[in-house]
Amino acid sequence: WGVIAPMLSLPAIFYWAVHRPDLVPASMAFLLGLFQDAIL
């Protein structure tokens, strides 16, 4: 599971980018991605 665990951030970023792109701006997506890299 550690090797195939899904990146659940992708569906969430996709959803918010479609429905409310103003609430997850590019800078926040970048910071969330850095956090994801650090934690994973």
Full PDB file with SEQRES, HELIX, SHEET, SSBOND, CRYST1, ORIGX, SCALE, CONECT and MASTER records, all heavy atoms in Angstrom:
SEQRES   1 A   40  TRP GLY VAL ILE ALA PRO MET LEU SER LEU PRO ALA ILE          
SEQRES   2 A   40  PHE TYR TRP ALA VAL HIS ARG PRO ASP LEU VAL PRO ALA          
SEQRES   3 A   40  SER MET ALA PHE LEU LEU GLY LEU PHE GLN ASP ALA ILE          
SEQRES   4 A   40  LEU                                                          
HELIX    1 AA1 SER A    9  HIS A   19  1                                  11    
HELIX    2 AA2 ALA A   26  ILE A   39  1                                  14    
CRYST1    1.000    1.000    1.000  90.00  90.00  90.00 P 1           1          
ORIGX1      1.000000  0.000000  0.000000        0.00000                         
ORIGX2      0.000000  1.000000  0.000000        0.00000                         
ORIGX3      0.000000  0.000000  1.000000        0.00000                         
SCALE1      1.000000  0.000000  0.000000        0.00000                         
SCALE2      0.000000  1.000000  0.000000        0.00000                         
SCALE3      0.000000  0.000000  1.000000        0.00000                         
ATOM      1  N   TRP A   1       0.822  -1.210   0.000  1.00  0.00           N  
ATOM      2  CA  TRP A   1       0.000   0.000   0.000  1.00  0.00           C  
ATOM      3  C   TRP A   1       0.862   1.269   0.000  1.00  0.00           C  
ATOM      4  O   TRP A   1       0.514   2.253  -0.638  1.00  0.00           O  
ATOM      5  CB  TRP A   1      -0.950   0.028   1.192  1.00  0.00           C  
ATOM      6  CG  TRP A   1      -1.841   1.226   1.143  1.00  0.00           C  
ATOM      7  CD1 TRP A   1      -1.755   2.342   1.915  1.00  0.00           C  
ATOM      8  CD2 TRP A   1      -2.934   1.448   0.253  1.00  0.00           C  
ATOM      9  NE1 TRP A   1      -2.728   3.243   1.572  1.00  0.00           N  
ATOM     10  CE2 TRP A   1      -3.469   2.714   0.549  1.00  0.00           C  
ATOM     11  CE3 TRP A   1      -3.512   0.702  -0.765  1.00  0.00           C  
ATOM     12  CZ2 TRP A   1      -4.553   3.239  -0.133  1.00  0.00           C  
ATOM     13  CZ3 TRP A   1      -4.595   1.235  -1.443  1.00  0.00           C  
ATOM     14  CH2 TRP A   1      -5.104   2.487  -1.132  1.00  0.00           C  
ATOM     15  N   GLY A   2       1.985   1.238   0.677  1.00  0.00           N  
ATOM     16  CA  GLY A   2       2.847   2.414   0.705  1.00  0.00           C  
ATOM     17  C   GLY A   2       3.327   2.826  -0.671  1.00  0.00           C  
ATOM     18  O   GLY A   2       3.562   4.001  -0.936  1.00  0.00           O  
ATOM     19  N   VAL A   3       3.440   1.863  -1.574  1.00  0.00           N  
ATOM     20  CA  VAL A   3       3.918   2.144  -2.924  1.00  0.00           C  
ATOM     21  C   VAL A   3       2.778   2.630  -3.822  1.00  0.00           C  
ATOM     22  O   VAL A   3       2.988   3.471  -4.697  1.00  0.00           O  
ATOM     23  CB  VAL A   3       4.557   0.868  -3.532  1.00  0.00           C  
ATOM     24  CG1 VAL A   3       5.046   1.117  -4.935  1.00  0.00           C  
ATOM     25  CG2 VAL A   3       5.692   0.396  -2.651  1.00  0.00           C  
ATOM     26  N   ILE A   4       1.567   2.127  -3.606  1.00  0.00           N  
ATOM     27  CA  ILE A   4       0.459   2.458  -4.507  1.00  0.00           C  
ATOM     28  C   ILE A   4      -0.578   3.386  -3.882  1.00  0.00           C  
ATOM     29  O   ILE A   4      -1.636   3.630  -4.464  1.00  0.00           O  
ATOM     30  CB  ILE A   4      -0.245   1.190  -5.023  1.00  0.00           C  
ATOM     31  CG1 ILE A   4      -0.898   0.419  -3.880  1.00  0.00           C  
ATOM     32  CG2 ILE A   4       0.698   0.326  -5.824  1.00  0.00           C  
ATOM     33  CD1 ILE A   4      -1.821  -0.692  -4.323  1.00  0.00           C  
ATOM     34  N   ALA A   5      -0.288   3.929  -2.712  1.00  0.00           N  
ATOM     35  CA  ALA A   5      -1.249   4.833  -2.059  1.00  0.00           C  
ATOM     36  C   ALA A   5      -1.539   6.009  -2.985  1.00  0.00           C  
ATOM     37  O   ALA A   5      -0.627   6.641  -3.514  1.00  0.00           O  
ATOM     38  CB  ALA A   5      -0.686   5.326  -0.734  1.00  0.00           C  
ATOM     39  N   PRO A   6      -2.816   6.323  -3.190  1.00  0.00           N  
ATOM     40  CA  PRO A   6      -3.168   7.391  -4.131  1.00  0.00           C  
ATOM     41  C   PRO A   6      -2.852   8.771  -3.575  1.00  0.00           C  
ATOM     42  O   PRO A   6      -2.847   8.990  -2.366  1.00  0.00           O  
ATOM     43  CB  PRO A   6      -4.677   7.207  -4.312  1.00  0.00           C  
ATOM     44  CG  PRO A   6      -5.134   6.593  -3.034  1.00  0.00           C  
ATOM     45  CD  PRO A   6      -4.007   5.699  -2.584  1.00  0.00           C  
ATOM     46  N   MET A   7      -2.594   9.691  -4.474  1.00  0.00           N  
ATOM     47  CA  MET A   7      -2.414  11.091  -4.099  1.00  0.00           C  
ATOM     48  C   MET A   7      -3.804  11.724  -4.083  1.00  0.00           C  
ATOM     49  O   MET A   7      -4.286  12.211  -5.099  1.00  0.00           O  
ATOM     50  CB  MET A   7      -1.505  11.802  -5.104  1.00  0.00           C  
ATOM     51  CG  MET A   7      -0.085  11.370  -5.031  1.00  0.00           C  
ATOM     52  SD  MET A   7       1.059  12.102  -6.244  1.00  0.00           S  
ATOM     53  CE  MET A   7       0.331  13.595  -6.756  1.00  0.00           C  
ATOM     54  N   LEU A   8      -4.454  11.678  -2.944  1.00  0.00           N  
ATOM     55  CA  LEU A   8      -5.828  12.167  -2.841  1.00  0.00           C  
ATOM     56  C   LEU A   8      -5.930  13.677  -3.025  1.00  0.00           C  
ATOM     57  O   LEU A   8      -7.031  14.204  -3.195  1.00  0.00           O  
ATOM     58  CB  LEU A   8      -6.426  11.754  -1.493  1.00  0.00           C  
ATOM     59  CG  LEU A   8      -6.547  10.250  -1.258  1.00  0.00           C  
ATOM     60  CD1 LEU A   8      -7.095   9.973   0.131  1.00  0.00           C  
ATOM     61  CD2 LEU A   8      -7.412   9.605  -2.329  1.00  0.00           C  
ATOM     62  N   SER A   9      -4.803  14.347  -3.023  1.00  0.00           N  
ATOM     63  CA  SER A   9      -4.822  15.791  -3.259  1.00  0.00           C  
ATOM     64  C   SER A   9      -5.198  16.114  -4.701  1.00  0.00           C  
ATOM     65  O   SER A   9      -5.791  17.163  -4.964  1.00  0.00           O  
ATOM     66  CB  SER A   9      -3.462  16.393  -2.931  1.00  0.00           C  
ATOM     67  OG  SER A   9      -2.452  15.764  -3.705  1.00  0.00           O  
ATOM     68  N   LEU A  10      -4.890  15.234  -5.640  1.00  0.00           N  
ATOM     69  CA  LEU A  10      -5.202  15.509  -7.045  1.00  0.00           C  
ATOM     70  C   LEU A  10      -6.698  15.631  -7.309  1.00  0.00           C  
ATOM     71  O   LEU A  10      -7.123  16.599  -7.946  1.00  0.00           O  
ATOM     72  CB  LEU A  10      -4.574  14.444  -7.954  1.00  0.00           C  
ATOM     73  CG  LEU A  10      -3.091  14.580  -8.214  1.00  0.00           C  
ATOM     74  CD1 LEU A  10      -2.581  13.432  -9.068  1.00  0.00           C  
ATOM     75  CD2 LEU A  10      -2.766  15.899  -8.874  1.00  0.00           C  
ATOM     76  N   PRO A  11      -7.537  14.681  -6.853  1.00  0.00           N  
ATOM     77  CA  PRO A  11      -8.978  14.872  -7.083  1.00  0.00           C  
ATOM     78  C   PRO A  11      -9.511  16.127  -6.391  1.00  0.00           C  
ATOM     79  O   PRO A  11     -10.393  16.803  -6.938  1.00  0.00           O  
ATOM     80  CB  PRO A  11      -9.620  13.616  -6.498  1.00  0.00           C  
ATOM     81  CG  PRO A  11      -8.539  12.633  -6.325  1.00  0.00           C  
ATOM     82  CD  PRO A  11      -7.259  13.382  -6.260  1.00  0.00           C  
ATOM     83  N   ALA A  12      -8.978  16.444  -5.231  1.00  0.00           N  
ATOM     84  CA  ALA A  12      -9.445  17.634  -4.512  1.00  0.00           C  
ATOM     85  C   ALA A  12      -9.046  18.908  -5.251  1.00  0.00           C  
ATOM     86  O   ALA A  12      -9.868  19.818  -5.400  1.00  0.00           O  
ATOM     87  CB  ALA A  12      -8.894  17.645  -3.094  1.00  0.00           C  
ATOM     88  N   ILE A  13      -7.822  18.983  -5.706  1.00  0.00           N  
ATOM     89  CA  ILE A  13      -7.386  20.157  -6.475  1.00  0.00           C  
ATOM     90  C   ILE A  13      -8.207  20.269  -7.754  1.00  0.00           C  
ATOM     91  O   ILE A  13      -8.628  21.363  -8.140  1.00  0.00           O  
ATOM     92  CB  ILE A  13      -5.874  20.083  -6.782  1.00  0.00           C  
ATOM     93  CG1 ILE A  13      -5.056  20.277  -5.507  1.00  0.00           C  
ATOM     94  CG2 ILE A  13      -5.472  21.083  -7.855  1.00  0.00           C  
ATOM     95  CD1 ILE A  13      -5.077  21.686  -4.940  1.00  0.00           C  
ATOM     96  N   PHE A  14      -8.455  19.146  -8.403  1.00  0.00           N  
ATOM     97  CA  PHE A  14      -9.280  19.162  -9.612  1.00  0.00           C  
ATOM     98  C   PHE A  14     -10.673  19.703  -9.293  1.00  0.00           C  
ATOM     99  O   PHE A  14     -11.181  20.591  -9.989  1.00  0.00           O  
ATOM    100  CB  PHE A  14      -9.386  17.749 -10.208  1.00  0.00           C  
ATOM    101  CG  PHE A  14     -10.232  17.683 -11.452  1.00  0.00           C  
ATOM    102  CD1 PHE A  14      -9.677  17.927 -12.688  1.00  0.00           C  
ATOM    103  CD2 PHE A  14     -11.582  17.375 -11.388  1.00  0.00           C  
ATOM    104  CE1 PHE A  14     -10.444  17.875 -13.843  1.00  0.00           C  
ATOM    105  CE2 PHE A  14     -12.356  17.321 -12.522  1.00  0.00           C  
ATOM    106  CZ  PHE A  14     -11.790  17.569 -13.750  1.00  0.00           C  
ATOM    107  N   TYR A  15     -11.289  19.194  -8.237  1.00  0.00           N  
ATOM    108  CA  TYR A  15     -12.647  19.621  -7.879  1.00  0.00           C  
ATOM    109  C   TYR A  15     -12.691  21.127  -7.601  1.00  0.00           C  
ATOM    110  O   TYR A  15     -13.535  21.841  -8.143  1.00  0.00           O  
ATOM    111  CB  TYR A  15     -13.152  18.849  -6.655  1.00  0.00           C  
ATOM    112  CG  TYR A  15     -14.539  19.292  -6.260  1.00  0.00           C  
ATOM    113  CD1 TYR A  15     -15.647  18.714  -6.846  1.00  0.00           C  
ATOM    114  CD2 TYR A  15     -14.735  20.313  -5.335  1.00  0.00           C  
ATOM    115  CE1 TYR A  15     -16.928  19.133  -6.519  1.00  0.00           C  
ATOM    116  CE2 TYR A  15     -16.010  20.736  -4.999  1.00  0.00           C  
ATOM    117  CZ  TYR A  15     -17.097  20.141  -5.596  1.00  0.00           C  
ATOM    118  OH  TYR A  15     -18.360  20.585  -5.274  1.00  0.00           O  
ATOM    119  N   TRP A  16     -11.798  21.597  -6.757  1.00  0.00           N  
ATOM    120  CA  TRP A  16     -11.831  23.015  -6.390  1.00  0.00           C  
ATOM    121  C   TRP A  16     -11.426  23.902  -7.553  1.00  0.00           C  
ATOM    122  O   TRP A  16     -11.915  25.034  -7.669  1.00  0.00           O  
ATOM    123  CB  TRP A  16     -10.976  23.277  -5.162  1.00  0.00           C  
ATOM    124  CG  TRP A  16     -11.539  22.640  -3.932  1.00  0.00           C  
ATOM    125  CD1 TRP A  16     -10.957  21.659  -3.186  1.00  0.00           C  
ATOM    126  CD2 TRP A  16     -12.814  22.901  -3.322  1.00  0.00           C  
ATOM    127  NE1 TRP A  16     -11.787  21.302  -2.148  1.00  0.00           N  
ATOM    128  CE2 TRP A  16     -12.940  22.053  -2.206  1.00  0.00           C  
ATOM    129  CE3 TRP A  16     -13.863  23.770  -3.607  1.00  0.00           C  
ATOM    130  CZ2 TRP A  16     -14.055  22.044  -1.382  1.00  0.00           C  
ATOM    131  CZ3 TRP A  16     -14.985  23.771  -2.790  1.00  0.00           C  
ATOM    132  CH2 TRP A  16     -15.071  22.911  -1.691  1.00  0.00           C  
ATOM    133  N   ALA A  17     -10.548  23.440  -8.426  1.00  0.00           N  
ATOM    134  CA  ALA A  17     -10.167  24.236  -9.597  1.00  0.00           C  
ATOM    135  C   ALA A  17     -11.336  24.387 -10.564  1.00  0.00           C  
ATOM    136  O   ALA A  17     -11.447  25.392 -11.262  1.00  0.00           O  
ATOM    137  CB  ALA A  17      -8.974  23.606 -10.308  1.00  0.00           C  
ATOM    138  N   VAL A  18     -12.228  23.416 -10.588  1.00  0.00           N  
ATOM    139  CA  VAL A  18     -13.412  23.511 -11.441  1.00  0.00           C  
ATOM    140  C   VAL A  18     -14.472  24.381 -10.784  1.00  0.00           C  
ATOM    141  O   VAL A  18     -15.041  25.279 -11.409  1.00  0.00           O  
ATOM    142  CB  VAL A  18     -13.988  22.111 -11.756  1.00  0.00           C  
ATOM    143  CG1 VAL A  18     -15.367  22.219 -12.404  1.00  0.00           C  
ATOM    144  CG2 VAL A  18     -13.047  21.331 -12.650  1.00  0.00           C  
ATOM    145  N   HIS A  19     -14.753  24.121  -9.508  1.00  0.00           N  
ATOM    146  CA  HIS A  19     -15.904  24.748  -8.855  1.00  0.00           C  
ATOM    147  C   HIS A  19     -15.600  26.064  -8.156  1.00  0.00           C  
ATOM    148  O   HIS A  19     -16.454  26.955  -8.132  1.00  0.00           O  
ATOM    149  CB  HIS A  19     -16.539  23.759  -7.875  1.00  0.00           C  
ATOM    150  CG  HIS A  19     -17.094  22.567  -8.570  1.00  0.00           C  
ATOM    151  ND1 HIS A  19     -18.296  22.581  -9.217  1.00  0.00           N  
ATOM    152  CD2 HIS A  19     -16.593  21.322  -8.752  1.00  0.00           C  
ATOM    153  CE1 HIS A  19     -18.531  21.400  -9.767  1.00  0.00           C  
ATOM    154  NE2 HIS A  19     -17.492  20.618  -9.498  1.00  0.00           N  
ATOM    155  N   ARG A  20     -14.466  26.205  -7.548  1.00  0.00           N  
ATOM    156  CA  ARG A  20     -14.106  27.444  -6.835  1.00  0.00           C  
ATOM    157  C   ARG A  20     -12.608  27.709  -6.965  1.00  0.00           C  
ATOM    158  O   ARG A  20     -11.858  27.647  -5.996  1.00  0.00           O  
ATOM    159  CB  ARG A  20     -14.491  27.359  -5.356  1.00  0.00           C  
ATOM    160  CG  ARG A  20     -15.956  27.348  -5.043  1.00  0.00           C  
ATOM    161  CD  ARG A  20     -16.709  28.577  -5.543  1.00  0.00           C  
ATOM    162  NE  ARG A  20     -16.240  29.827  -4.990  1.00  0.00           N  
ATOM    163  CZ  ARG A  20     -16.749  30.426  -3.918  1.00  0.00           C  
ATOM    164  NH1 ARG A  20     -17.768  29.878  -3.287  1.00  0.00           N  
ATOM    165  NH2 ARG A  20     -16.264  31.569  -3.503  1.00  0.00           N  
ATOM    166  N   PRO A  21     -12.130  28.001  -8.175  1.00  0.00           N  
ATOM    167  CA  PRO A  21     -10.688  28.223  -8.351  1.00  0.00           C  
ATOM    168  C   PRO A  21     -10.154  29.408  -7.556  1.00  0.00           C  
ATOM    169  O   PRO A  21      -8.962  29.472  -7.267  1.00  0.00           O  
ATOM    170  CB  PRO A  21     -10.538  28.451  -9.859  1.00  0.00           C  
ATOM    171  CG  PRO A  21     -11.885  28.818 -10.341  1.00  0.00           C  
ATOM    172  CD  PRO A  21     -12.874  28.174  -9.419  1.00  0.00           C  
ATOM    173  N   ASP A  22     -11.028  30.318  -7.178  1.00  0.00           N  
ATOM    174  CA  ASP A  22     -10.592  31.475  -6.407  1.00  0.00           C  
ATOM    175  C   ASP A  22     -10.192  31.112  -4.980  1.00  0.00           C  
ATOM    176  O   ASP A  22      -9.445  31.845  -4.339  1.00  0.00           O  
ATOM    177  CB  ASP A  22     -11.697  32.533  -6.375  1.00  0.00           C  
ATOM    178  CG  ASP A  22     -13.010  32.000  -5.805  1.00  0.00           C  
ATOM    179  OD1 ASP A  22     -13.394  30.859  -6.145  1.00  0.00           O  
ATOM    180  OD2 ASP A  22     -13.660  32.730  -5.036  1.00  0.00           O  
ATOM    181  N   LEU A  23     -10.668  29.970  -4.491  1.00  0.00           N  
ATOM    182  CA  LEU A  23     -10.399  29.603  -3.098  1.00  0.00           C  
ATOM    183  C   LEU A  23      -9.167  28.717  -2.923  1.00  0.00           C  
ATOM    184  O   LEU A  23      -8.709  28.504  -1.801  1.00  0.00           O  
ATOM    185  CB  LEU A  23     -11.622  28.921  -2.490  1.00  0.00           C  
ATOM    186  CG  LEU A  23     -12.872  29.806  -2.405  1.00  0.00           C  
ATOM    187  CD1 LEU A  23     -14.011  29.060  -1.752  1.00  0.00           C  
ATOM    188  CD2 LEU A  23     -12.577  31.097  -1.670  1.00  0.00           C  
ATOM    189  N   VAL A  24      -8.651  28.169  -4.004  1.00  0.00           N  
ATOM    190  CA  VAL A  24      -7.375  27.440  -3.954  1.00  0.00           C  
ATOM    191  C   VAL A  24      -6.496  28.031  -5.058  1.00  0.00           C  
ATOM    192  O   VAL A  24      -6.377  27.463  -6.142  1.00  0.00           O  
ATOM    193  CB  VAL A  24      -7.566  25.917  -4.143  1.00  0.00           C  
ATOM    194  CG1 VAL A  24      -6.225  25.198  -4.003  1.00  0.00           C  
ATOM    195  CG2 VAL A  24      -8.553  25.354  -3.153  1.00  0.00           C  
ATOM    196  N   PRO A  25      -5.898  29.187  -4.780  1.00  0.00           N  
ATOM    197  CA  PRO A  25      -5.056  29.819  -5.805  1.00  0.00           C  
ATOM    198  C   PRO A  25      -3.776  29.024  -6.044  1.00  0.00           C  
ATOM    199  O   PRO A  25      -3.439  28.105  -5.293  1.00  0.00           O  
ATOM    200  CB  PRO A  25      -4.756  31.200  -5.203  1.00  0.00           C  
ATOM    201  CG  PRO A  25      -4.899  31.016  -3.737  1.00  0.00           C  
ATOM    202  CD  PRO A  25      -5.947  29.951  -3.544  1.00  0.00           C  
ATOM    203  N   ALA A  26      -3.069  29.393  -7.071  1.00  0.00           N  
ATOM    204  CA  ALA A  26      -1.847  28.686  -7.446  1.00  0.00           C  
ATOM    205  C   ALA A  26      -0.834  28.659  -6.305  1.00  0.00           C  
ATOM    206  O   ALA A  26      -0.186  27.637  -6.064  1.00  0.00           O  
ATOM    207  CB  ALA A  26      -1.231  29.330  -8.691  1.00  0.00           C  
ATOM    208  N   SER A  27      -0.704  29.756  -5.596  1.00  0.00           N  
ATOM    209  CA  SER A  27       0.271  29.796  -4.499  1.00  0.00           C  
ATOM    210  C   SER A  27      -0.084  28.775  -3.419  1.00  0.00           C  
ATOM    211  O   SER A  27       0.803  28.116  -2.865  1.00  0.00           O  
ATOM    212  CB  SER A  27       0.333  31.198  -3.893  1.00  0.00           C  
ATOM    213  OG  SER A  27      -0.953  31.593  -3.442  1.00  0.00           O  
ATOM    214  N   MET A  28      -1.375  28.617  -3.137  1.00  0.00           N  
ATOM    215  CA  MET A  28      -1.783  27.654  -2.111  1.00  0.00           C  
ATOM    216  C   MET A  28      -1.602  26.225  -2.622  1.00  0.00           C  
ATOM    217  O   MET A  28      -1.191  25.345  -1.860  1.00  0.00           O  
ATOM    218  CB  MET A  28      -3.240  27.904  -1.704  1.00  0.00           C  
ATOM    219  CG  MET A  28      -3.655  27.092  -0.509  1.00  0.00           C  
ATOM    220  SD  MET A  28      -2.576  27.228   0.944  1.00  0.00           S  
ATOM    221  CE  MET A  28      -2.834  28.892   1.437  1.00  0.00           C  
ATOM    222  N   ALA A  29      -1.887  25.986  -3.896  1.00  0.00           N  
ATOM    223  CA  ALA A  29      -1.660  24.655  -4.465  1.00  0.00           C  
ATOM    224  C   ALA A  29      -0.180  24.294  -4.370  1.00  0.00           C  
ATOM    225  O   ALA A  29       0.175  23.156  -4.040  1.00  0.00           O  
ATOM    226  CB  ALA A  29      -2.136  24.610  -5.916  1.00  0.00           C  
ATOM    227  N   PHE A  30       0.679  25.263  -4.623  1.00  0.00           N  
ATOM    228  CA  PHE A  30       2.113  25.028  -4.526  1.00  0.00           C  
ATOM    229  C   PHE A  30       2.524  24.699  -3.093  1.00  0.00           C  
ATOM    230  O   PHE A  30       3.263  23.738  -2.854  1.00  0.00           O  
ATOM    231  CB  PHE A  30       2.881  26.247  -5.041  1.00  0.00           C  
ATOM    232  CG  PHE A  30       4.367  26.070  -5.043  1.00  0.00           C  
ATOM    233  CD1 PHE A  30       4.979  25.324  -6.042  1.00  0.00           C  
ATOM    234  CD2 PHE A  30       5.152  26.623  -4.052  1.00  0.00           C  
ATOM    235  CE1 PHE A  30       6.354  25.145  -6.055  1.00  0.00           C  
ATOM    236  CE2 PHE A  30       6.524  26.451  -4.052  1.00  0.00           C  
ATOM    237  CZ  PHE A  30       7.125  25.713  -5.052  1.00  0.00           C  
ATOM    238  N   LEU A  31       2.045  25.482  -2.132  1.00  0.00           N  
ATOM    239  CA  LEU A  31       2.381  25.230  -0.723  1.00  0.00           C  
ATOM    240  C   LEU A  31       1.845  23.883  -0.248  1.00  0.00           C  
ATOM    241  O   LEU A  31       2.536  23.154   0.478  1.00  0.00           O  
ATOM    242  CB  LEU A  31       1.850  26.353   0.159  1.00  0.00           C  
ATOM    243  CG  LEU A  31       2.545  27.702   0.012  1.00  0.00           C  
ATOM    244  CD1 LEU A  31       1.827  28.770   0.821  1.00  0.00           C  
ATOM    245  CD2 LEU A  31       4.008  27.598   0.386  1.00  0.00           C  
ATOM    246  N   LEU A  32       0.626  23.547  -0.658  1.00  0.00           N  
ATOM    247  CA  LEU A  32       0.071  22.242  -0.298  1.00  0.00           C  
ATOM    248  C   LEU A  32       0.896  21.124  -0.915  1.00  0.00           C  
ATOM    249  O   LEU A  32       1.114  20.078  -0.294  1.00  0.00           O  
ATOM    250  CB  LEU A  32      -1.393  22.149  -0.736  1.00  0.00           C  
ATOM    251  CG  LEU A  32      -2.375  22.977   0.088  1.00  0.00           C  
ATOM    252  CD1 LEU A  32      -3.710  23.104  -0.638  1.00  0.00           C  
ATOM    253  CD2 LEU A  32      -2.563  22.368   1.466  1.00  0.00           C  
ATOM    254  N   GLY A  33       1.365  21.335  -2.131  1.00  0.00           N  
ATOM    255  CA  GLY A  33       2.225  20.348  -2.779  1.00  0.00           C  
ATOM    256  C   GLY A  33       3.555  20.169  -2.067  1.00  0.00           C  
ATOM    257  O   GLY A  33       4.054  19.051  -1.931  1.00  0.00           O  
ATOM    258  N   LEU A  34       4.137  21.265  -1.595  1.00  0.00           N  
ATOM    259  CA  LEU A  34       5.379  21.164  -0.820  1.00  0.00           C  
ATOM    260  C   LEU A  34       5.150  20.397   0.474  1.00  0.00           C  
ATOM    261  O   LEU A  34       5.979  19.567   0.871  1.00  0.00           O  
ATOM    262  CB  LEU A  34       5.937  22.559  -0.511  1.00  0.00           C  
ATOM    263  CG  LEU A  34       6.624  23.293  -1.644  1.00  0.00           C  
ATOM    264  CD1 LEU A  34       7.066  24.681  -1.189  1.00  0.00           C  
ATOM    265  CD2 LEU A  34       7.807  22.503  -2.172  1.00  0.00           C  
ATOM    266  N   PHE A  35       4.033  20.693   1.124  1.00  0.00           N  
ATOM    267  CA  PHE A  35       3.694  19.955   2.347  1.00  0.00           C  
ATOM    268  C   PHE A  35       3.521  18.470   2.038  1.00  0.00           C  
ATOM    269  O   PHE A  35       4.009  17.611   2.776  1.00  0.00           O  
ATOM    270  CB  PHE A  35       2.418  20.531   2.977  1.00  0.00           C  
ATOM    271  CG  PHE A  35       1.966  19.766   4.182  1.00  0.00           C  
ATOM    272  CD1 PHE A  35       2.650  19.874   5.385  1.00  0.00           C  
ATOM    273  CD2 PHE A  35       0.864  18.924   4.119  1.00  0.00           C  
ATOM    274  CE1 PHE A  35       2.250  19.165   6.501  1.00  0.00           C  
ATOM    275  CE2 PHE A  35       0.454  18.211   5.227  1.00  0.00           C  
ATOM    276  CZ  PHE A  35       1.145  18.325   6.423  1.00  0.00           C  
ATOM    277  N   GLN A  36       2.851  18.169   0.931  1.00  0.00           N  
ATOM    278  CA  GLN A  36       2.653  16.776   0.527  1.00  0.00           C  
ATOM    279  C   GLN A  36       3.992  16.096   0.277  1.00  0.00           C  
ATOM    280  O   GLN A  36       4.208  14.953   0.701  1.00  0.00           O  
ATOM    281  CB  GLN A  36       1.787  16.731  -0.729  1.00  0.00           C  
ATOM    282  CG  GLN A  36       1.586  15.342  -1.300  1.00  0.00           C  
ATOM    283  CD  GLN A  36       0.679  15.386  -2.495  1.00  0.00           C  
ATOM    284  OE1 GLN A  36      -0.527  15.447  -2.335  1.00  0.00           O  
ATOM    285  NE2 GLN A  36       1.248  15.360  -3.683  1.00  0.00           N  
ATOM    286  N   ASP A  37       4.887  16.781  -0.411  1.00  0.00           N  
ATOM    287  CA  ASP A  37       6.220  16.213  -0.654  1.00  0.00           C  
ATOM    288  C   ASP A  37       6.943  15.926   0.650  1.00  0.00           C  
ATOM    289  O   ASP A  37       7.557  14.868   0.819  1.00  0.00           O  
ATOM    290  CB  ASP A  37       7.068  17.171  -1.502  1.00  0.00           C  
ATOM    291  CG  ASP A  37       6.589  17.264  -2.933  1.00  0.00           C  
ATOM    292  OD1 ASP A  37       5.915  16.333  -3.407  1.00  0.00           O  
ATOM    293  OD2 ASP A  37       6.897  18.289  -3.572  1.00  0.00           O  
ATOM    294  N   ALA A  38       6.873  16.864   1.577  1.00  0.00           N  
ATOM    295  CA  ALA A  38       7.564  16.694   2.851  1.00  0.00           C  
ATOM    296  C   ALA A  38       6.984  15.543   3.655  1.00  0.00           C  
ATOM    297  O   ALA A  38       7.731  14.762   4.258  1.00  0.00           O  
ATOM    298  CB  ALA A  38       7.491  17.988   3.660  1.00  0.00           C  
ATOM    299  N   ILE A  39       5.690  15.408   3.655  1.00  0.00           N  
ATOM    300  CA  ILE A  39       5.057  14.383   4.491  1.00  0.00           C  
ATOM    301  C   ILE A  39       5.118  12.997   3.848  1.00  0.00           C  
ATOM    302  O   ILE A  39       5.185  11.995   4.550  1.00  0.00           O  
ATOM    303  CB  ILE A  39       3.617  14.789   4.855  1.00  0.00           C  
ATOM    304  CG1 ILE A  39       3.146  14.031   6.084  1.00  0.00           C  
ATOM    305  CG2 ILE A  39       2.667  14.585   3.706  1.00  0.00           C  
ATOM    306  CD1 ILE A  39       1.884  14.580   6.686  1.00  0.00           C  
ATOM    307  N   LEU A  40       5.103  12.937   2.513  1.00  0.00           N  
ATOM    308  CA  LEU A  40       5.138  11.634   1.832  1.00  0.00           C  
ATOM    309  C   LEU A  40       6.548  11.184   1.484  1.00  0.00           C  
ATOM    310  O   LEU A  40       6.752  10.036   1.092  1.00  0.00           O  
ATOM    311  CB  LEU A  40       4.283  11.673   0.559  1.00  0.00           C  
ATOM    312  CG  LEU A  40       2.790  11.866   0.752  1.00  0.00           C  
ATOM    313  CD1 LEU A  40       2.074  11.917  -0.598  1.00  0.00           C  
ATOM    314  CD2 LEU A  40       2.211  10.765   1.620  1.00  0.00           C  
TER     315      LEU A  40                                                      
MASTER        0    0    0    2    0    0    0    6  314    1    0    4          
END                                                                             
